[in-house]
């Protein structure tokens, strides 16, 4: 994609488990990703979209060309995972890396790139010559193994975010995306949407203390707010509201627009 390098430079977080250690850390996810990549990619993307409250975009916006770069019906995900399973898996990885701030290690890049190049070379060679069946089977086994490792590594990250809560994409990563990406990444599909699903206590406390209908003594008064509250001016509707801290993305209680604090 055109802005890939800028995004790669901003991803600095480390994975919970290395790509080579993923099969031992989550063998069932690795086997599922290796043997049934279409179903595995579909379920993982569905899980990511639910967790981030984002609309479905073909290949997670990796190819923002025409209608492929716009939100569309989620049923199109079936077509994506069946026709382009490798791209669907890569799109899941792209979402995990950009929403949860995860950086590929040099070893990850070497493994993924070498596998891709080897499989492509075998396919190209088969168009002009008789490639031994053993070589084609080797390429298939290599691709399935790496796909399983990638799926397992990503599943471990998703499970960790579910335990600790998702607070939106990191601001230093979101700012390098085009405006079209920022819209669905930050607003979850448009105004009026509910805040993204949060699994930690922080969101619950925020809703109790600062959202409309919360205790009157915790509601902001004029331009100020209670101690320890960060006042935010919504970039969508312009209203001010209180946030429970900094370093997060939080939804405006008036219009639902997500704002980086």
Foldseek 3Di string as FASTA:
>chain_A
DVLVVVLQVLQDDAFPDALVCLCVVCVVLLVCQLPPLLVLLLVLVVLLCQQQLFADAQLLCPPCDPRNNAGDDSVCSNVRCVVPSPSSLVSSVVSLCQQVRHHHDPVLVCLVVVLVVLQVVQVVVVVPDPDDPVSNVVSSNSVSNSSSSSRSSSVVSSVVCLQQWGFFGFPSNLVSDDPSSNQRRFQSYDKPDAKRDTNDCQVVVCCQQWAPPHDPQQYDDDQGGDPQWDWDQDPPPRDITTHNHARGWTADNPIRGIDHD
